[in-house]
Amino acid sequence: MKKILPILMAVIGICAGIGAGVAIKQEPEEPSIVCEPDLHDSSGLEVADAAPIPADEMDSSTHEYVKLSNQFVIPIVEDGRVKALVVLALNLEVVSGYSQAVFALEPKLRNAFLLVLFDHANAGGFEGSFTSSNNMMILQNALLESARKALGNSVSDVLITDVVRQESFG
């Protein structure tokens, strides 16, 4: 019981913090002009199967940032017990007009991102100096590859906007 109580308190504290953040977060402003892309082209292929967007057509004025609605909580397990929790917030840089497509496919994206994050954690990616630029680039590239599998080349970057590691006590 003495070992479970600190872990339980840490999990409750993190959940309360996440809940408070969700409760007080401001809703993003809706753009005055909403351009909803067609998720299928004339051949019936989904956007993820579409041809790559040429690099010269991808400049910062043609992109928008989409904040995923919830943070990601990744347990760090050692010897069969939770040693720490890592909490991440992610944003996607997408071609303008694709934010609705991101929200429509968010469950699929979250699943893909969680698989990448769990693999990263199990490979020791959140150990030691886990925020080193090399370590973060490996994670960011894996997340980008995963996002492109779901959304195609409409995703130009995955931004890690927050990362926190909470050690369990006990």
C-alpha atoms as a PDB file:
ATOM      1  CA  MET A   1       0.000   0.000   0.000  1.00  0.00           C
ATOM      2  CA  LYS A   2       2.898   2.359   0.796  1.00  0.00           C
ATOM      3  CA  LYS A   3       4.270   1.933  -2.729  1.00  0.00           C
ATOM      4  CA  ILE A   4       0.937   2.238  -4.510  1.00  0.00           C
ATOM      5  CA  LEU A   5      -0.197   5.433  -2.751  1.00  0.00           C
ATOM      6  CA  PRO A   6       2.523   7.746  -4.186  1.00  0.00           C
ATOM      7  CA  ILE A   7       1.963   6.397  -7.696  1.00  0.00           C
ATOM      8  CA  LEU A   8      -1.779   6.805  -7.306  1.00  0.00           C
ATOM      9  CA  MET A   9      -1.316  10.372  -6.027  1.00  0.00           C
ATOM     10  CA  ALA A  10       0.961  11.223  -8.978  1.00  0.00           C
ATOM     11  CA  VAL A  11      -1.536   9.850 -11.498  1.00  0.00           C
ATOM     12  CA  ILE A  12      -4.422  11.689  -9.805  1.00  0.00           C
ATOM     13  CA  GLY A  13      -2.381  14.918  -9.782  1.00  0.00           C
ATOM     14  CA  ILE A  14      -1.522  14.635 -13.453  1.00  0.00           C
ATOM     15  CA  CYS A  15      -5.117  13.805 -14.376  1.00  0.00           C
ATOM     16  CA  ALA A  16      -6.376  16.755 -12.329  1.00  0.00           C
ATOM     17  CA  GLY A  17      -3.890  19.055 -14.059  1.00  0.00           C
ATOM     18  CA  ILE A  18      -4.910  17.805 -17.488  1.00  0.00           C
ATOM     19  CA  GLY A  19      -8.583  18.132 -16.548  1.00  0.00           C
ATOM     20  CA  ALA A  20      -8.063  21.699 -15.336  1.00  0.00           C
ATOM     21  CA  GLY A  21      -6.181  22.557 -18.525  1.00  0.00           C
ATOM     22  CA  VAL A  22      -8.984  21.155 -20.673  1.00  0.00           C
ATOM     23  CA  ALA A  23     -11.622  22.973 -18.604  1.00  0.00           C
ATOM     24  CA  ILE A  24      -9.981  26.398 -18.898  1.00  0.00           C
ATOM     25  CA  LYS A  25      -8.530  26.163 -22.386  1.00  0.00           C
ATOM     26  CA  GLN A  26      -9.846  28.698 -24.839  1.00  0.00           C
ATOM     27  CA  GLU A  27     -11.564  27.490 -27.961  1.00  0.00           C
ATOM     28  CA  PRO A  28      -9.584  28.336 -31.088  1.00  0.00           C
ATOM     29  CA  GLU A  29     -11.011  31.120 -33.172  1.00  0.00           C
ATOM     30  CA  GLU A  30     -12.731  29.943 -36.307  1.00  0.00           C
ATOM     31  CA  PRO A  31     -11.257  31.420 -39.465  1.00  0.00           C
ATOM     32  CA  SER A  32     -13.554  33.782 -41.310  1.00  0.00           C
ATOM     33  CA  ILE A  33     -13.175  31.769 -44.510  1.00  0.00           C
ATOM     34  CA  VAL A  34     -13.267  28.020 -44.125  1.00  0.00           C
ATOM     35  CA  CYS A  35     -12.032  25.984 -47.037  1.00  0.00           C
ATOM     36  CA  GLU A  36     -12.949  22.348 -46.548  1.00  0.00           C
ATOM     37  CA  PRO A  37     -10.873  20.079 -48.745  1.00  0.00           C
ATOM     38  CA  ASP A  38     -12.372  17.067 -50.415  1.00  0.00           C
ATOM     39  CA  LEU A  39     -10.923  13.968 -48.765  1.00  0.00           C
ATOM     40  CA  HIS A  40     -11.179  12.121 -52.083  1.00  0.00           C
ATOM     41  CA  ASP A  41      -9.949  13.124 -55.510  1.00  0.00           C
ATOM     42  CA  SER A  42     -11.819  12.435 -58.751  1.00  0.00           C
ATOM     43  CA  SER A  43     -10.384   8.901 -58.917  1.00  0.00           C
ATOM     44  CA  GLY A  44     -11.798   8.084 -55.470  1.00  0.00           C
ATOM     45  CA  LEU A  45      -8.389   7.886 -53.754  1.00  0.00           C
ATOM     46  CA  GLU A  46      -8.164   9.267 -50.245  1.00  0.00           C
ATOM     47  CA  VAL A  47      -5.982  12.311 -49.610  1.00  0.00           C
ATOM     48  CA  ALA A  48      -3.363  10.066 -47.979  1.00  0.00           C
ATOM     49  CA  ASP A  49      -2.899   8.382 -51.365  1.00  0.00           C
ATOM     50  CA  ALA A  50      -2.567  11.669 -53.253  1.00  0.00           C
ATOM     51  CA  ALA A  51       0.619  12.766 -54.997  1.00  0.00           C
ATOM     52  CA  PRO A  52       3.205  14.721 -52.979  1.00  0.00           C
ATOM     53  CA  ILE A  53       2.919  18.490 -52.867  1.00  0.00           C
ATOM     54  CA  PRO A  54       5.875  20.094 -54.714  1.00  0.00           C
ATOM     55  CA  ALA A  55       8.337  21.841 -52.385  1.00  0.00           C
ATOM     56  CA  ASP A  56       7.976  25.159 -54.242  1.00  0.00           C
ATOM     57  CA  GLU A  57       4.224  25.159 -53.466  1.00  0.00           C
ATOM     58  CA  MET A  58       4.836  24.638 -49.732  1.00  0.00           C
ATOM     59  CA  ASP A  59       5.589  28.015 -48.179  1.00  0.00           C
ATOM     60  CA  SER A  60       4.605  29.318 -44.768  1.00  0.00           C
ATOM     61  CA  SER A  61       1.682  31.367 -46.138  1.00  0.00           C
ATOM     62  CA  THR A  62      -0.043  28.200 -47.341  1.00  0.00           C
ATOM     63  CA  HIS A  63       0.122  26.405 -43.993  1.00  0.00           C
ATOM     64  CA  GLU A  64      -1.831  26.448 -40.783  1.00  0.00           C
ATOM     65  CA  TYR A  65      -1.231  24.885 -37.388  1.00  0.00           C
ATOM     66  CA  VAL A  66      -3.648  22.435 -35.835  1.00  0.00           C
ATOM     67  CA  LYS A  67      -3.421  21.739 -32.110  1.00  0.00           C
ATOM     68  CA  LEU A  68      -4.508  18.228 -31.234  1.00  0.00           C
ATOM     69  CA  SER A  69      -7.278  18.393 -28.667  1.00  0.00           C
ATOM     70  CA  ASN A  70      -5.678  16.362 -25.868  1.00  0.00           C
ATOM     71  CA  GLN A  71      -2.205  15.711 -24.564  1.00  0.00           C
ATOM     72  CA  PHE A  72      -0.520  12.331 -24.828  1.00  0.00           C
ATOM     73  CA  VAL A  73       0.355  10.492 -21.589  1.00  0.00           C
ATOM     74  CA  ILE A  74       3.044   7.832 -21.947  1.00  0.00           C
ATOM     75  CA  PRO A  75       3.978   5.562 -19.022  1.00  0.00           C
ATOM     76  CA  ILE A  76       7.640   4.655 -18.568  1.00  0.00           C
ATOM     77  CA  VAL A  77       7.642   1.083 -17.289  1.00  0.00           C
ATOM     78  CA  GLU A  78      10.611  -0.525 -15.553  1.00  0.00           C
ATOM     79  CA  ASP A  79      10.562  -3.950 -13.912  1.00  0.00           C
ATOM     80  CA  GLY A  80       6.826  -4.239 -14.374  1.00  0.00           C
ATOM     81  CA  ARG A  81       5.908  -0.962 -12.669  1.00  0.00           C
ATOM     82  CA  VAL A  82       5.351   2.608 -13.795  1.00  0.00           C
ATOM     83  CA  LYS A  83       8.575   4.486 -13.124  1.00  0.00           C
ATOM     84  CA  ALA A  84       7.470   7.808 -14.643  1.00  0.00           C
ATOM     85  CA  LEU A  85       4.896   9.442 -16.882  1.00  0.00           C
ATOM     86  CA  VAL A  86       5.695  11.611 -19.898  1.00  0.00           C
ATOM     87  CA  VAL A  87       3.070  14.098 -21.058  1.00  0.00           C
ATOM     88  CA  LEU A  88       3.338  15.596 -24.563  1.00  0.00           C
ATOM     89  CA  ALA A  89       1.309  18.150 -26.513  1.00  0.00           C
ATOM     90  CA  LEU A  90       1.478  18.050 -30.307  1.00  0.00           C
ATOM     91  CA  ASN A  91       0.553  20.437 -33.119  1.00  0.00           C
ATOM     92  CA  LEU A  92       0.498  19.649 -36.819  1.00  0.00           C
ATOM     93  CA  GLU A  93       1.578  21.986 -39.588  1.00  0.00           C
ATOM     94  CA  VAL A  94      -0.756  21.282 -42.511  1.00  0.00           C
ATOM     95  CA  VAL A  95      -1.623  22.788 -45.860  1.00  0.00           C
ATOM     96  CA  SER A  96      -4.206  25.550 -45.409  1.00  0.00           C
ATOM     97  CA  GLY A  97      -7.723  24.173 -45.444  1.00  0.00           C
ATOM     98  CA  TYR A  98      -6.839  20.736 -44.084  1.00  0.00           C
ATOM     99  CA  SER A  99      -7.553  21.410 -40.417  1.00  0.00           C
ATOM    100  CA  GLN A 100     -11.018  19.856 -40.711  1.00  0.00           C
ATOM    101  CA  ALA A 101      -9.458  16.728 -42.215  1.00  0.00           C
ATOM    102  CA  VAL A 102      -7.095  16.542 -39.232  1.00  0.00           C
ATOM    103  CA  PHE A 103      -9.982  16.771 -36.773  1.00  0.00           C
ATOM    104  CA  ALA A 104     -11.987  14.209 -38.757  1.00  0.00           C
ATOM    105  CA  LEU A 105      -9.091  11.732 -38.590  1.00  0.00           C
ATOM    106  CA  GLU A 106      -7.894  12.632 -35.074  1.00  0.00           C
ATOM    107  CA  PRO A 107      -8.740   9.233 -33.515  1.00  0.00           C
ATOM    108  CA  LYS A 108      -6.668   7.491 -36.202  1.00  0.00           C
ATOM    109  CA  LEU A 109      -3.839  10.030 -35.746  1.00  0.00           C
ATOM    110  CA  ARG A 110      -3.862   9.659 -31.949  1.00  0.00           C
ATOM    111  CA  ASN A 111      -3.639   5.880 -32.262  1.00  0.00           C
ATOM    112  CA  ALA A 112      -0.722   6.129 -34.695  1.00  0.00           C
ATOM    113  CA  PHE A 113       1.044   8.711 -32.511  1.00  0.00           C
ATOM    114  CA  LEU A 114       0.580   6.624 -29.360  1.00  0.00           C
ATOM    115  CA  LEU A 115       2.158   3.616 -31.058  1.00  0.00           C
ATOM    116  CA  VAL A 116       5.185   5.758 -32.017  1.00  0.00           C
ATOM    117  CA  LEU A 117       5.386   7.268 -28.518  1.00  0.00           C
ATOM    118  CA  PHE A 118       5.161   3.863 -26.795  1.00  0.00           C
ATOM    119  CA  ASP A 119       7.865   2.466 -29.090  1.00  0.00           C
ATOM    120  CA  HIS A 120      10.043   5.508 -28.330  1.00  0.00           C
ATOM    121  CA  ALA A 121       9.504   5.011 -24.580  1.00  0.00           C
ATOM    122  CA  ASN A 122      10.241   1.268 -24.744  1.00  0.00           C
ATOM    123  CA  ALA A 123      13.453   1.969 -26.661  1.00  0.00           C
ATOM    124  CA  GLY A 124      14.614   4.270 -23.844  1.00  0.00           C
ATOM    125  CA  GLY A 125      13.885   7.490 -25.722  1.00  0.00           C
ATOM    126  CA  PHE A 126      12.512   9.200 -22.607  1.00  0.00           C
ATOM    127  CA  GLU A 127      15.464   8.218 -20.394  1.00  0.00           C
ATOM    128  CA  GLY A 128      18.432  10.419 -19.486  1.00  0.00           C
ATOM    129  CA  SER A 129      18.645  13.644 -21.455  1.00  0.00           C
ATOM    130  CA  PHE A 130      15.503  12.845 -23.415  1.00  0.00           C
ATOM    131  CA  THR A 131      15.086  16.463 -24.557  1.00  0.00           C
ATOM    132  CA  SER A 132      18.401  16.561 -26.433  1.00  0.00           C
ATOM    133  CA  SER A 133      17.948  17.843 -29.972  1.00  0.00           C
ATOM    134  CA  ASN A 134      19.022  14.531 -31.503  1.00  0.00           C
ATOM    135  CA  ASN A 135      16.560  12.544 -29.393  1.00  0.00           C
ATOM    136  CA  MET A 136      13.713  14.968 -30.099  1.00  0.00           C
ATOM    137  CA  MET A 137      14.442  14.953 -33.855  1.00  0.00           C
ATOM    138  CA  ILE A 138      14.244  11.140 -33.926  1.00  0.00           C
ATOM    139  CA  LEU A 139      10.863  11.304 -32.200  1.00  0.00           C
ATOM    140  CA  GLN A 140       9.622  14.183 -34.347  1.00  0.00           C
ATOM    141  CA  ASN A 141      10.592  12.405 -37.592  1.00  0.00           C
ATOM    142  CA  ALA A 142       8.848   9.200 -36.489  1.00  0.00           C
ATOM    143  CA  LEU A 143       5.707  11.191 -35.629  1.00  0.00           C
ATOM    144  CA  LEU A 144       5.822  12.991 -39.002  1.00  0.00           C
ATOM    145  CA  GLU A 145       6.124   9.696 -40.868  1.00  0.00           C
ATOM    146  CA  SER A 146       3.145   8.367 -38.929  1.00  0.00           C
ATOM    147  CA  ALA A 147       1.081  11.514 -39.627  1.00  0.00           C
ATOM    148  CA  ARG A 148       1.830  11.292 -43.344  1.00  0.00           C
ATOM    149  CA  LYS A 149       0.602   7.698 -43.427  1.00  0.00           C
ATOM    150  CA  ALA A 150      -2.761   8.946 -42.158  1.00  0.00           C
ATOM    151  CA  LEU A 151      -3.022  12.336 -43.909  1.00  0.00           C
ATOM    152  CA  GLY A 152      -0.620  12.150 -46.828  1.00  0.00           C
ATOM    153  CA  ASN A 153       1.702  15.008 -47.705  1.00  0.00           C
ATOM    154  CA  SER A 154      -0.782  17.599 -46.488  1.00  0.00           C
ATOM    155  CA  VAL A 155       1.215  17.382 -43.218  1.00  0.00           C
ATOM    156  CA  SER A 156       4.522  19.220 -43.433  1.00  0.00           C
ATOM    157  CA  ASP A 157       5.625  18.996 -39.785  1.00  0.00           C
ATOM    158  CA  VAL A 158       4.762  17.680 -36.333  1.00  0.00           C
ATOM    159  CA  LEU A 159       5.566  20.138 -33.567  1.00  0.00           C
ATOM    160  CA  ILE A 160       6.195  19.000 -30.014  1.00  0.00           C
ATOM    161  CA  THR A 161       4.920  22.016 -28.085  1.00  0.00           C
ATOM    162  CA  ASP A 162       5.084  20.670 -24.521  1.00  0.00           C
ATOM    163  CA  VAL A 163       6.917  17.782 -22.915  1.00  0.00           C
ATOM    164  CA  VAL A 164       6.973  16.954 -19.204  1.00  0.00           C
ATOM    165  CA  ARG A 165       8.325  13.919 -17.372  1.00  0.00           C
ATOM    166  CA  GLN A 166       6.932  13.166 -13.907  1.00  0.00           C
ATOM    167  CA  GLU A 167       8.864  10.641 -11.850  1.00  0.00           C
ATOM    168  CA  SER A 168       6.868   8.372  -9.565  1.00  0.00           C
ATOM    169  CA  PHE A 169       7.785   8.442  -5.916  1.00  0.00           C
ATOM    170  CA  GLY A 170       8.224   5.309  -3.970  1.00  0.00           C
END
